[in-house]
N, C-alpha and C. Protein backbone atom coordinates (compact mmCIF):
# COMPACT_ATOMS: atom_id res chain seq x y z
N MET A 1 -21.22 -33.98 15.63
CA MET A 1 -21.11 -34.46 17.02
C MET A 1 -21.18 -33.27 17.97
N GLU A 2 -22.00 -33.36 18.98
CA GLU A 2 -22.18 -32.27 19.92
C GLU A 2 -21.06 -32.29 20.96
N LEU A 3 -19.87 -31.86 20.51
CA LEU A 3 -18.68 -31.98 21.35
C LEU A 3 -18.81 -31.18 22.63
N ALA A 4 -19.26 -29.94 22.53
CA ALA A 4 -19.36 -29.09 23.71
C ALA A 4 -20.32 -29.69 24.73
N TYR A 5 -21.40 -30.26 24.23
CA TYR A 5 -22.40 -30.84 25.13
C TYR A 5 -21.81 -32.02 25.90
N TYR A 6 -21.15 -32.92 25.21
CA TYR A 6 -20.63 -34.12 25.86
C TYR A 6 -19.43 -33.82 26.75
N SER A 7 -18.54 -32.95 26.31
CA SER A 7 -17.36 -32.65 27.13
C SER A 7 -17.74 -31.89 28.39
N ASP A 8 -18.86 -31.20 28.35
CA ASP A 8 -19.31 -30.46 29.53
C ASP A 8 -19.68 -31.41 30.67
N TYR A 9 -19.99 -32.66 30.35
CA TYR A 9 -20.26 -33.65 31.40
C TYR A 9 -19.03 -33.77 32.31
N ALA A 10 -17.85 -33.80 31.71
CA ALA A 10 -16.62 -33.93 32.49
C ALA A 10 -16.40 -32.70 33.35
N VAL A 11 -16.60 -31.51 32.78
CA VAL A 11 -16.39 -30.27 33.52
C VAL A 11 -17.34 -30.18 34.71
N ARG A 12 -18.61 -30.50 34.49
CA ARG A 12 -19.61 -30.42 35.57
C ARG A 12 -19.24 -31.33 36.73
N LEU A 13 -18.80 -32.55 36.41
CA LEU A 13 -18.46 -33.50 37.48
C LEU A 13 -17.21 -33.04 38.23
N VAL A 14 -16.17 -32.66 37.52
CA VAL A 14 -14.94 -32.22 38.17
C VAL A 14 -15.21 -31.03 39.09
N ASN A 15 -16.04 -30.10 38.63
CA ASN A 15 -16.28 -28.88 39.40
C ASN A 15 -17.33 -29.03 40.50
N SER A 16 -17.79 -30.26 40.71
CA SER A 16 -18.68 -30.51 41.85
C SER A 16 -17.89 -30.53 43.16
N GLU A 17 -16.56 -30.46 43.03
CA GLU A 17 -15.69 -30.39 44.21
C GLU A 17 -14.69 -29.25 44.04
N GLU A 18 -14.45 -28.52 45.12
CA GLU A 18 -13.42 -27.47 45.15
C GLU A 18 -12.45 -27.82 46.28
N PRO A 19 -11.45 -28.64 45.99
CA PRO A 19 -10.55 -29.14 47.04
C PRO A 19 -9.88 -28.05 47.86
N ALA A 20 -9.44 -26.98 47.21
CA ALA A 20 -8.73 -25.92 47.93
C ALA A 20 -9.63 -25.20 48.92
N ARG A 21 -10.93 -25.21 48.65
CA ARG A 21 -11.88 -24.55 49.54
C ARG A 21 -12.54 -25.54 50.49
N GLY A 22 -12.26 -26.83 50.32
CA GLY A 22 -12.87 -27.84 51.17
C GLY A 22 -14.35 -28.00 50.91
N LYS A 23 -14.79 -27.76 49.66
CA LYS A 23 -16.22 -27.85 49.31
C LYS A 23 -16.47 -29.05 48.41
N ASP A 24 -17.58 -29.73 48.65
CA ASP A 24 -17.96 -30.88 47.85
C ASP A 24 -19.49 -30.92 47.79
N SER A 25 -20.05 -30.67 46.61
CA SER A 25 -21.51 -30.68 46.47
C SER A 25 -22.06 -32.05 46.11
N LEU A 26 -21.16 -33.00 45.86
CA LEU A 26 -21.60 -34.34 45.47
C LEU A 26 -21.79 -35.20 46.72
N THR A 27 -22.88 -34.95 47.42
CA THR A 27 -23.11 -35.60 48.71
C THR A 27 -24.40 -36.41 48.78
N SER A 28 -25.16 -36.48 47.69
CA SER A 28 -26.44 -37.19 47.70
C SER A 28 -26.78 -37.68 46.31
N VAL A 29 -27.74 -38.60 46.23
CA VAL A 29 -28.17 -39.11 44.94
C VAL A 29 -28.84 -38.01 44.13
N GLU A 30 -29.46 -37.05 44.81
CA GLU A 30 -30.07 -35.91 44.09
C GLU A 30 -29.00 -35.08 43.39
N ALA A 31 -27.85 -34.91 44.05
CA ALA A 31 -26.75 -34.16 43.45
C ALA A 31 -26.21 -34.90 42.23
N VAL A 32 -26.17 -36.22 42.30
CA VAL A 32 -25.73 -37.02 41.16
C VAL A 32 -26.69 -36.82 39.99
N ARG A 33 -27.98 -36.88 40.26
CA ARG A 33 -28.98 -36.73 39.20
C ARG A 33 -28.92 -35.35 38.56
N ASP A 34 -28.62 -34.33 39.36
CA ASP A 34 -28.53 -32.97 38.82
C ASP A 34 -27.42 -32.85 37.78
N LEU A 35 -26.37 -33.66 37.90
CA LEU A 35 -25.25 -33.58 36.97
C LEU A 35 -25.65 -34.00 35.55
N PHE A 36 -26.71 -34.79 35.43
CA PHE A 36 -27.13 -35.25 34.11
C PHE A 36 -27.85 -34.16 33.32
N GLY A 37 -28.19 -33.06 33.96
CA GLY A 37 -28.86 -31.98 33.24
C GLY A 37 -30.21 -32.41 32.72
N GLY A 38 -30.39 -32.24 31.41
CA GLY A 38 -31.68 -32.56 30.80
C GLY A 38 -31.87 -34.03 30.47
N ASN A 39 -30.88 -34.86 30.73
CA ASN A 39 -30.98 -36.30 30.44
C ASN A 39 -31.71 -37.00 31.59
N ALA A 40 -33.02 -36.81 31.65
CA ALA A 40 -33.80 -37.30 32.78
C ALA A 40 -33.82 -38.82 32.87
N SER A 41 -33.88 -39.49 31.72
CA SER A 41 -33.96 -40.95 31.75
C SER A 41 -32.70 -41.55 32.34
N ALA A 42 -31.53 -40.98 32.01
CA ALA A 42 -30.27 -41.47 32.58
C ALA A 42 -30.18 -41.12 34.06
N ALA A 43 -30.66 -39.95 34.44
CA ALA A 43 -30.59 -39.52 35.84
C ALA A 43 -31.41 -40.43 36.73
N ARG A 44 -32.50 -40.95 36.23
CA ARG A 44 -33.38 -41.81 37.04
C ARG A 44 -32.70 -43.12 37.42
N ARG A 45 -31.66 -43.50 36.71
CA ARG A 45 -30.96 -44.75 37.04
C ARG A 45 -30.08 -44.61 38.29
N ALA A 46 -29.80 -43.39 38.69
CA ALA A 46 -28.87 -43.16 39.81
C ALA A 46 -29.45 -43.67 41.13
N THR A 47 -28.56 -44.25 41.94
CA THR A 47 -28.92 -44.71 43.28
C THR A 47 -27.90 -44.15 44.27
N ASP A 48 -28.13 -44.42 45.53
CA ASP A 48 -27.20 -43.94 46.56
C ASP A 48 -25.78 -44.47 46.33
N ALA A 49 -25.67 -45.67 45.78
CA ALA A 49 -24.35 -46.26 45.55
C ALA A 49 -23.55 -45.46 44.53
N ASP A 50 -24.24 -44.71 43.68
CA ASP A 50 -23.52 -43.95 42.64
C ASP A 50 -22.78 -42.74 43.21
N VAL A 51 -23.13 -42.30 44.39
CA VAL A 51 -22.44 -41.15 44.98
C VAL A 51 -20.94 -41.44 45.12
N THR A 52 -20.62 -42.58 45.71
CA THR A 52 -19.22 -42.97 45.88
C THR A 52 -18.55 -43.25 44.54
N ARG A 53 -19.28 -43.91 43.65
CA ARG A 53 -18.70 -44.23 42.34
C ARG A 53 -18.42 -42.95 41.54
N PHE A 54 -19.34 -41.99 41.59
CA PHE A 54 -19.13 -40.72 40.89
C PHE A 54 -17.90 -40.00 41.42
N ARG A 55 -17.70 -40.05 42.73
CA ARG A 55 -16.53 -39.39 43.31
C ARG A 55 -15.24 -40.00 42.79
N GLY A 56 -15.23 -41.31 42.61
CA GLY A 56 -14.06 -41.99 42.08
C GLY A 56 -13.74 -41.54 40.66
N VAL A 57 -14.77 -41.47 39.81
CA VAL A 57 -14.58 -41.02 38.43
C VAL A 57 -14.17 -39.55 38.42
N ARG A 58 -14.75 -38.78 39.31
CA ARG A 58 -14.40 -37.35 39.39
C ARG A 58 -12.91 -37.14 39.64
N GLY A 59 -12.34 -37.91 40.54
CA GLY A 59 -10.91 -37.79 40.81
C GLY A 59 -10.06 -38.13 39.60
N ARG A 60 -10.49 -39.11 38.82
CA ARG A 60 -9.74 -39.51 37.64
C ARG A 60 -9.85 -38.46 36.53
N LEU A 61 -11.01 -37.86 36.40
CA LEU A 61 -11.18 -36.80 35.41
C LEU A 61 -10.38 -35.55 35.80
N ARG A 62 -10.38 -35.23 37.09
CA ARG A 62 -9.58 -34.08 37.53
C ARG A 62 -8.10 -34.32 37.25
N ALA A 63 -7.66 -35.54 37.40
CA ALA A 63 -6.26 -35.87 37.12
C ALA A 63 -5.91 -35.59 35.66
N VAL A 64 -6.87 -35.80 34.75
CA VAL A 64 -6.66 -35.50 33.33
C VAL A 64 -6.43 -34.00 33.16
N PHE A 65 -7.30 -33.19 33.78
CA PHE A 65 -7.16 -31.74 33.69
C PHE A 65 -5.86 -31.26 34.34
N GLU A 66 -5.49 -31.86 35.46
CA GLU A 66 -4.26 -31.47 36.14
C GLU A 66 -3.03 -31.76 35.27
N ALA A 67 -3.04 -32.93 34.63
CA ALA A 67 -1.91 -33.28 33.76
C ALA A 67 -1.84 -32.33 32.57
N ALA A 68 -2.99 -32.04 31.97
CA ALA A 68 -3.01 -31.12 30.83
C ALA A 68 -2.58 -29.72 31.25
N ASP A 69 -3.07 -29.26 32.38
CA ASP A 69 -2.73 -27.93 32.88
C ASP A 69 -1.24 -27.83 33.23
N GLY A 70 -0.66 -28.95 33.65
CA GLY A 70 0.76 -28.97 33.99
C GLY A 70 1.68 -29.21 32.80
N GLY A 71 1.09 -29.35 31.62
CA GLY A 71 1.89 -29.52 30.42
C GLY A 71 2.32 -30.95 30.12
N ASP A 72 1.79 -31.92 30.89
CA ASP A 72 2.15 -33.32 30.66
C ASP A 72 1.12 -33.94 29.72
N GLU A 73 1.32 -33.72 28.45
CA GLU A 73 0.37 -34.16 27.42
C GLU A 73 0.20 -35.67 27.39
N THR A 74 1.29 -36.39 27.48
CA THR A 74 1.23 -37.85 27.41
C THR A 74 0.44 -38.43 28.58
N LEU A 75 0.68 -37.92 29.78
CA LEU A 75 -0.04 -38.41 30.95
C LEU A 75 -1.53 -38.12 30.82
N ALA A 76 -1.89 -36.94 30.35
CA ALA A 76 -3.30 -36.59 30.19
C ALA A 76 -3.99 -37.57 29.24
N VAL A 77 -3.33 -37.89 28.14
CA VAL A 77 -3.89 -38.82 27.16
C VAL A 77 -3.98 -40.23 27.75
N ASP A 78 -2.95 -40.66 28.45
CA ASP A 78 -2.96 -42.00 29.05
C ASP A 78 -4.09 -42.14 30.06
N LEU A 79 -4.27 -41.13 30.89
CA LEU A 79 -5.34 -41.18 31.89
C LEU A 79 -6.72 -41.21 31.24
N LEU A 80 -6.86 -40.44 30.18
CA LEU A 80 -8.15 -40.41 29.48
C LEU A 80 -8.40 -41.72 28.74
N ASN A 81 -7.36 -42.29 28.16
CA ASN A 81 -7.51 -43.57 27.49
C ASN A 81 -7.95 -44.67 28.45
N SER A 82 -7.45 -44.63 29.67
CA SER A 82 -7.84 -45.65 30.65
C SER A 82 -9.33 -45.54 30.98
N LEU A 83 -9.85 -44.33 31.00
CA LEU A 83 -11.28 -44.15 31.23
C LEU A 83 -12.10 -44.63 30.03
N LEU A 84 -11.60 -44.36 28.82
CA LEU A 84 -12.31 -44.80 27.61
C LEU A 84 -12.38 -46.32 27.52
N LEU A 85 -11.32 -46.97 27.96
CA LEU A 85 -11.31 -48.43 27.94
C LEU A 85 -12.28 -49.01 28.96
N GLU A 86 -12.33 -48.38 30.12
CA GLU A 86 -13.19 -48.89 31.20
C GLU A 86 -14.66 -48.56 30.97
N PHE A 87 -14.92 -47.42 30.31
CA PHE A 87 -16.31 -46.98 30.12
C PHE A 87 -16.55 -46.71 28.63
N PRO A 88 -16.78 -47.75 27.83
CA PRO A 88 -16.95 -47.57 26.38
C PRO A 88 -18.36 -47.08 26.02
N VAL A 89 -18.46 -46.47 24.84
CA VAL A 89 -19.75 -46.05 24.30
C VAL A 89 -19.85 -46.52 22.85
N SER A 90 -21.06 -46.44 22.32
CA SER A 90 -21.29 -46.79 20.92
C SER A 90 -21.87 -45.59 20.18
N PRO A 91 -21.19 -45.11 19.14
CA PRO A 91 -21.76 -44.00 18.38
C PRO A 91 -22.96 -44.48 17.56
N GLN A 92 -24.03 -43.71 17.57
CA GLN A 92 -25.22 -44.05 16.82
C GLN A 92 -25.77 -42.80 16.14
N ILE A 93 -26.45 -43.02 15.02
CA ILE A 93 -27.10 -41.91 14.33
C ILE A 93 -28.46 -41.68 14.95
N SER A 94 -28.74 -40.43 15.29
CA SER A 94 -30.01 -40.09 15.93
C SER A 94 -30.67 -38.94 15.16
N GLY A 95 -32.00 -38.85 15.26
CA GLY A 95 -32.72 -37.78 14.57
C GLY A 95 -33.97 -37.36 15.30
N HIS A 96 -33.79 -36.76 16.47
CA HIS A 96 -34.96 -36.39 17.28
C HIS A 96 -35.45 -34.98 16.98
N ASP A 97 -34.74 -34.24 16.11
CA ASP A 97 -35.20 -32.92 15.67
C ASP A 97 -35.65 -33.01 14.21
N PHE A 98 -36.41 -32.02 13.76
CA PHE A 98 -36.93 -32.05 12.40
C PHE A 98 -36.65 -30.74 11.69
N ARG A 99 -36.43 -30.82 10.38
CA ARG A 99 -36.20 -29.64 9.56
C ARG A 99 -37.55 -28.98 9.25
N ASP A 100 -37.54 -27.69 9.12
CA ASP A 100 -38.77 -26.95 8.88
C ASP A 100 -39.30 -27.12 7.46
N ASP A 101 -38.41 -27.32 6.50
CA ASP A 101 -38.84 -27.30 5.10
C ASP A 101 -39.51 -28.59 4.65
N ASP A 102 -38.96 -29.75 5.01
CA ASP A 102 -39.53 -31.00 4.50
C ASP A 102 -39.95 -31.97 5.60
N GLY A 103 -39.70 -31.63 6.85
CA GLY A 103 -40.14 -32.49 7.95
C GLY A 103 -39.29 -33.72 8.15
N ARG A 104 -38.22 -33.86 7.41
CA ARG A 104 -37.34 -35.02 7.57
C ARG A 104 -36.49 -34.86 8.82
N PRO A 105 -36.08 -35.97 9.44
CA PRO A 105 -35.24 -35.89 10.65
C PRO A 105 -33.91 -35.21 10.35
N LEU A 106 -33.43 -34.44 11.30
CA LEU A 106 -32.11 -33.81 11.20
C LEU A 106 -31.12 -34.77 11.85
N TRP A 107 -30.50 -35.59 11.01
CA TRP A 107 -29.64 -36.66 11.54
C TRP A 107 -28.35 -36.09 12.12
N HIS A 108 -27.91 -36.68 13.23
CA HIS A 108 -26.64 -36.29 13.84
C HIS A 108 -26.11 -37.47 14.64
N MET A 109 -24.82 -37.39 14.97
CA MET A 109 -24.20 -38.46 15.75
C MET A 109 -24.54 -38.31 17.22
N HIS A 110 -24.78 -39.44 17.85
CA HIS A 110 -25.16 -39.47 19.26
C HIS A 110 -24.32 -40.55 19.95
N LEU A 111 -23.88 -40.28 21.16
CA LEU A 111 -23.13 -41.28 21.93
C LEU A 111 -24.09 -42.09 22.77
N ALA A 112 -24.24 -43.35 22.44
CA ALA A 112 -25.15 -44.23 23.17
C ALA A 112 -24.34 -45.06 24.16
N ASP A 113 -24.72 -44.98 25.42
CA ASP A 113 -24.03 -45.78 26.43
C ASP A 113 -24.88 -46.99 26.79
N HIS A 114 -24.21 -48.01 27.23
CA HIS A 114 -24.91 -49.23 27.65
C HIS A 114 -24.42 -49.58 29.06
N PRO A 115 -24.82 -48.78 30.03
CA PRO A 115 -24.20 -48.89 31.36
C PRO A 115 -24.83 -49.94 32.25
N SER A 116 -24.01 -50.42 33.17
CA SER A 116 -24.52 -51.31 34.22
C SER A 116 -25.07 -50.48 35.37
N ASN A 117 -24.70 -49.21 35.43
CA ASN A 117 -25.21 -48.30 36.47
C ASN A 117 -25.06 -46.86 35.95
N ALA A 118 -25.60 -45.92 36.71
CA ALA A 118 -25.60 -44.52 36.28
C ALA A 118 -24.19 -43.97 36.15
N THR A 119 -23.29 -44.39 37.02
CA THR A 119 -21.91 -43.89 36.97
C THR A 119 -21.23 -44.29 35.67
N ALA A 120 -21.41 -45.55 35.27
CA ALA A 120 -20.79 -46.04 34.04
C ALA A 120 -21.29 -45.26 32.84
N GLY A 121 -22.59 -44.98 32.81
CA GLY A 121 -23.15 -44.22 31.70
C GLY A 121 -22.61 -42.80 31.65
N TYR A 122 -22.57 -42.14 32.79
CA TYR A 122 -22.07 -40.76 32.84
C TYR A 122 -20.59 -40.71 32.50
N ALA A 123 -19.81 -41.62 33.07
CA ALA A 123 -18.37 -41.63 32.83
C ALA A 123 -18.05 -41.87 31.36
N ALA A 124 -18.82 -42.75 30.71
CA ALA A 124 -18.60 -43.05 29.29
C ALA A 124 -18.79 -41.80 28.44
N ILE A 125 -19.86 -41.07 28.68
CA ILE A 125 -20.14 -39.87 27.90
C ILE A 125 -19.14 -38.78 28.21
N ALA A 126 -18.80 -38.60 29.50
CA ALA A 126 -17.85 -37.56 29.89
C ALA A 126 -16.47 -37.82 29.28
N ALA A 127 -16.01 -39.06 29.36
CA ALA A 127 -14.68 -39.40 28.83
C ALA A 127 -14.63 -39.25 27.31
N MET A 128 -15.67 -39.71 26.62
CA MET A 128 -15.68 -39.62 25.17
C MET A 128 -15.77 -38.15 24.72
N GLY A 129 -16.61 -37.37 25.40
CA GLY A 129 -16.71 -35.95 25.06
C GLY A 129 -15.39 -35.24 25.26
N LEU A 130 -14.71 -35.55 26.35
CA LEU A 130 -13.42 -34.92 26.62
C LEU A 130 -12.38 -35.37 25.61
N ALA A 131 -12.46 -36.62 25.20
CA ALA A 131 -11.52 -37.14 24.21
C ALA A 131 -11.70 -36.45 22.86
N PHE A 132 -12.94 -36.24 22.46
CA PHE A 132 -13.20 -35.52 21.21
C PHE A 132 -12.66 -34.10 21.29
N HIS A 133 -12.89 -33.45 22.42
CA HIS A 133 -12.42 -32.07 22.59
C HIS A 133 -10.89 -32.02 22.54
N LEU A 134 -10.25 -32.94 23.21
CA LEU A 134 -8.78 -32.97 23.25
C LEU A 134 -8.19 -33.18 21.86
N THR A 135 -8.72 -34.14 21.12
CA THR A 135 -8.16 -34.44 19.81
C THR A 135 -8.50 -33.37 18.78
N GLU A 136 -9.62 -32.68 18.97
CA GLU A 136 -10.02 -31.64 18.02
C GLU A 136 -9.28 -30.34 18.24
N TYR A 137 -9.09 -29.97 19.52
CA TYR A 137 -8.54 -28.65 19.83
C TYR A 137 -7.16 -28.67 20.48
N GLY A 138 -6.74 -29.82 21.03
CA GLY A 138 -5.43 -29.90 21.67
C GLY A 138 -5.52 -30.03 23.18
N VAL A 139 -4.51 -30.66 23.75
CA VAL A 139 -4.48 -30.89 25.19
C VAL A 139 -4.43 -29.57 25.96
N ASP A 140 -3.78 -28.56 25.39
CA ASP A 140 -3.66 -27.29 26.11
C ASP A 140 -4.97 -26.53 26.22
N ARG A 141 -6.04 -27.08 25.63
CA ARG A 141 -7.37 -26.47 25.77
C ARG A 141 -8.09 -26.96 27.02
N LEU A 142 -7.47 -27.87 27.76
CA LEU A 142 -8.02 -28.33 29.04
C LEU A 142 -7.28 -27.59 30.14
N GLY A 143 -7.98 -26.80 30.93
CA GLY A 143 -7.30 -25.99 31.92
C GLY A 143 -7.93 -26.01 33.29
N LEU A 144 -7.19 -25.48 34.25
CA LEU A 144 -7.67 -25.28 35.61
C LEU A 144 -7.55 -23.80 35.94
N CYS A 145 -8.58 -23.25 36.53
CA CYS A 145 -8.66 -21.82 36.80
C CYS A 145 -7.44 -21.34 37.59
N GLU A 146 -6.86 -20.21 37.15
CA GLU A 146 -5.67 -19.66 37.80
C GLU A 146 -6.01 -18.72 38.95
N ALA A 147 -7.30 -18.49 39.18
CA ALA A 147 -7.70 -17.59 40.27
C ALA A 147 -7.73 -18.37 41.58
N ALA A 148 -6.62 -18.39 42.30
CA ALA A 148 -6.55 -19.14 43.55
C ALA A 148 -7.58 -18.58 44.55
N PRO A 149 -8.22 -19.47 45.33
CA PRO A 149 -8.00 -20.92 45.40
C PRO A 149 -8.97 -21.73 44.54
N CYS A 150 -9.51 -21.16 43.49
CA CYS A 150 -10.60 -21.81 42.73
C CYS A 150 -10.19 -23.17 42.16
N ARG A 151 -9.38 -23.15 41.10
CA ARG A 151 -8.89 -24.37 40.43
C ARG A 151 -10.01 -25.21 39.81
N ASN A 152 -11.11 -24.56 39.42
CA ASN A 152 -12.15 -25.26 38.68
C ASN A 152 -11.66 -25.59 37.29
N ALA A 153 -12.18 -26.68 36.73
CA ALA A 153 -11.81 -27.08 35.38
C ALA A 153 -12.58 -26.26 34.35
N TYR A 154 -11.98 -26.07 33.18
CA TYR A 154 -12.67 -25.41 32.07
C TYR A 154 -12.11 -25.91 30.75
N LEU A 155 -12.87 -25.68 29.69
CA LEU A 155 -12.44 -26.01 28.34
C LEU A 155 -12.25 -24.71 27.59
N ASP A 156 -11.06 -24.48 27.11
CA ASP A 156 -10.74 -23.23 26.42
C ASP A 156 -11.22 -23.30 24.97
N THR A 157 -12.22 -22.50 24.64
CA THR A 157 -12.73 -22.45 23.28
C THR A 157 -12.43 -21.11 22.62
N SER A 158 -11.55 -20.32 23.22
CA SER A 158 -11.19 -19.02 22.66
C SER A 158 -10.39 -19.22 21.36
N THR A 159 -10.44 -18.21 20.51
CA THR A 159 -9.75 -18.32 19.21
C THR A 159 -8.23 -18.25 19.34
N ASN A 160 -7.75 -17.59 20.38
CA ASN A 160 -6.30 -17.42 20.52
C ASN A 160 -5.71 -18.18 21.72
N ARG A 161 -6.44 -19.15 22.22
CA ARG A 161 -5.96 -20.00 23.33
C ARG A 161 -5.53 -19.15 24.54
N SER A 162 -6.33 -18.17 24.86
CA SER A 162 -5.94 -17.21 25.90
C SER A 162 -6.68 -17.38 27.22
N ARG A 163 -7.60 -18.32 27.30
CA ARG A 163 -8.40 -18.44 28.52
C ARG A 163 -7.55 -18.92 29.69
N ARG A 164 -7.74 -18.31 30.86
CA ARG A 164 -6.99 -18.67 32.06
C ARG A 164 -7.89 -18.90 33.27
N TYR A 165 -9.16 -18.54 33.15
CA TYR A 165 -10.07 -18.62 34.29
C TYR A 165 -11.35 -19.37 33.91
N CYS A 166 -11.99 -19.94 34.92
CA CYS A 166 -13.18 -20.74 34.65
C CYS A 166 -14.42 -19.89 34.41
N SER A 167 -14.39 -18.63 34.84
CA SER A 167 -15.57 -17.77 34.72
C SER A 167 -15.16 -16.31 34.71
N ASP A 168 -16.09 -15.45 34.32
CA ASP A 168 -15.83 -14.01 34.35
C ASP A 168 -15.62 -13.54 35.78
N ARG A 169 -16.33 -14.17 36.70
CA ARG A 169 -16.19 -13.78 38.11
C ARG A 169 -14.77 -14.00 38.60
N CYS A 170 -14.20 -15.16 38.27
CA CYS A 170 -12.83 -15.45 38.70
C CYS A 170 -11.83 -14.54 37.98
N ALA A 171 -12.09 -14.24 36.71
CA ALA A 171 -11.19 -13.35 35.97
C ALA A 171 -11.18 -11.96 36.60
N THR A 172 -12.36 -11.47 36.97
CA THR A 172 -12.45 -10.15 37.61
C THR A 172 -11.74 -10.16 38.95
N ARG A 173 -11.97 -11.21 39.72
CA ARG A 173 -11.35 -11.31 41.05
C ARG A 173 -9.82 -11.34 40.93
N ALA A 174 -9.31 -12.07 39.96
CA ALA A 174 -7.86 -12.16 39.76
C ALA A 174 -7.28 -10.82 39.31
N ASN A 175 -8.01 -10.12 38.43
CA ASN A 175 -7.54 -8.82 37.95
C ASN A 175 -7.51 -7.79 39.08
N VAL A 176 -8.53 -7.81 39.93
CA VAL A 176 -8.57 -6.90 41.07
C VAL A 176 -7.42 -7.19 42.03
N ALA A 177 -7.17 -8.47 42.29
CA ALA A 177 -6.08 -8.85 43.18
C ALA A 177 -4.73 -8.42 42.61
N ALA A 178 -4.56 -8.58 41.30
CA ALA A 178 -3.31 -8.18 40.65
C ALA A 178 -3.13 -6.66 40.72
N TYR A 179 -4.22 -5.93 40.53
CA TYR A 179 -4.17 -4.46 40.59
C TYR A 179 -3.77 -3.99 41.99
N ARG A 180 -4.36 -4.58 43.01
CA ARG A 180 -4.04 -4.21 44.38
C ARG A 180 -2.59 -4.56 44.72
N ALA A 181 -2.12 -5.69 44.21
CA ALA A 181 -0.73 -6.08 44.45
C ALA A 181 0.23 -5.07 43.82
N ARG A 182 -0.10 -4.61 42.60
CA ARG A 182 0.75 -3.62 41.94
C ARG A 182 0.77 -2.31 42.73
N LYS A 183 -0.40 -1.91 43.25
CA LYS A 183 -0.48 -0.67 44.02
C LYS A 183 0.34 -0.76 45.31
N ARG A 184 0.28 -1.92 45.96
CA ARG A 184 1.08 -2.12 47.18
C ARG A 184 2.57 -2.05 46.86
N LEU A 185 2.97 -2.66 45.74
CA LEU A 185 4.38 -2.64 45.33
C LEU A 185 4.83 -1.22 45.02
N GLU A 186 3.98 -0.47 44.33
CA GLU A 186 4.32 0.92 44.01
C GLU A 186 4.45 1.75 45.28
N ALA A 187 3.54 1.51 46.23
CA ALA A 187 3.58 2.25 47.49
C ALA A 187 4.85 1.91 48.27
N ASP A 188 5.23 0.65 48.27
CA ASP A 188 6.45 0.23 48.97
C ASP A 188 7.68 0.86 48.33
N ARG A 189 7.71 0.87 46.99
CA ARG A 189 8.85 1.46 46.29
C ARG A 189 8.93 2.96 46.55
N SER A 190 7.76 3.60 46.55
CA SER A 190 7.72 5.04 46.82
C SER A 190 8.21 5.34 48.23
N GLY A 191 7.78 4.51 49.19
CA GLY A 191 8.21 4.69 50.57
C GLY A 191 9.70 4.49 50.73
N ASN A 192 10.23 3.47 50.06
CA ASN A 192 11.67 3.19 50.13
C ASN A 192 12.48 4.33 49.51
N THR A 193 11.95 4.87 48.38
CA THR A 193 12.63 5.99 47.72
C THR A 193 12.65 7.22 48.62
N GLY A 194 11.50 7.47 49.29
CA GLY A 194 11.42 8.61 50.19
C GLY A 194 12.36 8.48 51.37
N ARG A 195 12.43 7.27 51.92
CA ARG A 195 13.32 7.04 53.06
C ARG A 195 14.78 7.17 52.65
N ALA A 196 15.10 6.69 51.44
CA ALA A 196 16.47 6.79 50.95
C ALA A 196 16.87 8.25 50.76
N ALA A 197 15.95 9.07 50.23
CA ALA A 197 16.25 10.49 50.03
C ALA A 197 16.42 11.21 51.36
N GLU A 198 15.58 10.83 52.33
CA GLU A 198 15.66 11.45 53.66
C GLU A 198 16.99 11.10 54.33
N ASN A 199 17.40 9.85 54.20
CA ASN A 199 18.67 9.42 54.79
C ASN A 199 19.84 10.14 54.12
N ALA A 200 19.74 10.35 52.80
CA ALA A 200 20.81 11.04 52.09
C ALA A 200 20.92 12.49 52.55
N GLN A 201 19.77 13.11 52.77
CA GLN A 201 19.77 14.49 53.24
C GLN A 201 20.41 14.60 54.62
N ARG A 202 20.09 13.65 55.50
CA ARG A 202 20.63 13.64 56.84
C ARG A 202 22.15 13.46 56.79
N ALA A 203 22.60 12.56 55.89
CA ALA A 203 24.04 12.30 55.78
C ALA A 203 24.77 13.54 55.28
N THR A 204 24.15 14.24 54.34
CA THR A 204 24.76 15.47 53.80
C THR A 204 24.85 16.55 54.88
N ALA A 205 23.74 16.70 55.63
CA ALA A 205 23.71 17.72 56.69
C ALA A 205 24.74 17.41 57.77
N SER A 206 24.89 16.13 58.08
CA SER A 206 25.86 15.73 59.11
C SER A 206 27.29 16.01 58.64
N GLY A 207 27.55 15.83 57.35
CA GLY A 207 28.88 16.03 56.83
C GLY A 207 29.26 17.50 56.77
N GLU A 208 28.27 18.39 56.69
CA GLU A 208 28.52 19.82 56.61
C GLU A 208 28.83 20.45 57.96
N ARG A 209 28.52 19.72 59.05
CA ARG A 209 28.75 20.28 60.37
C ARG A 209 30.25 20.28 60.74
């Protein structure tokens, strides 16, 4: 099962909005179609009505990530289960690639959706992909970027569960901010120490008079 491929549907949709920055790229049917990536046949089903529907699903998927990031495992699972019930899929065996040695199909599992509209199809695949990722790797592998004000969603695939940022760019930005904060703190402490020593010297000199 192509878990990373399917779960990435959820990440792409959630990250089409950056609430803390007031940004939302999901403003047209073209933006909806772009979310499907290489699935051109599914993207062609999208209409203007799907813009609003996609936003609704996006909010529900973000709630799953928020619950997981906040440590509420049960809530994350409950929210995801509600999406799975509303947007079901059917697993099917597919073989669109071929082996080099004998030319036989390379069979693999595929999630087939039977949607009434583009939103239903996308939501079904996104929810199922996220569910597979959650059950395979754990709820704590669903995170939100710690580099404020980003808060983009990500899936932690690191071996030691150490991921905290959605991208290298955010990790670098957070590290630079932390470094500058430490330098400011050191400068403040140094200044306070200098002022304390100066005051002590003045008090000593005054007492000697």
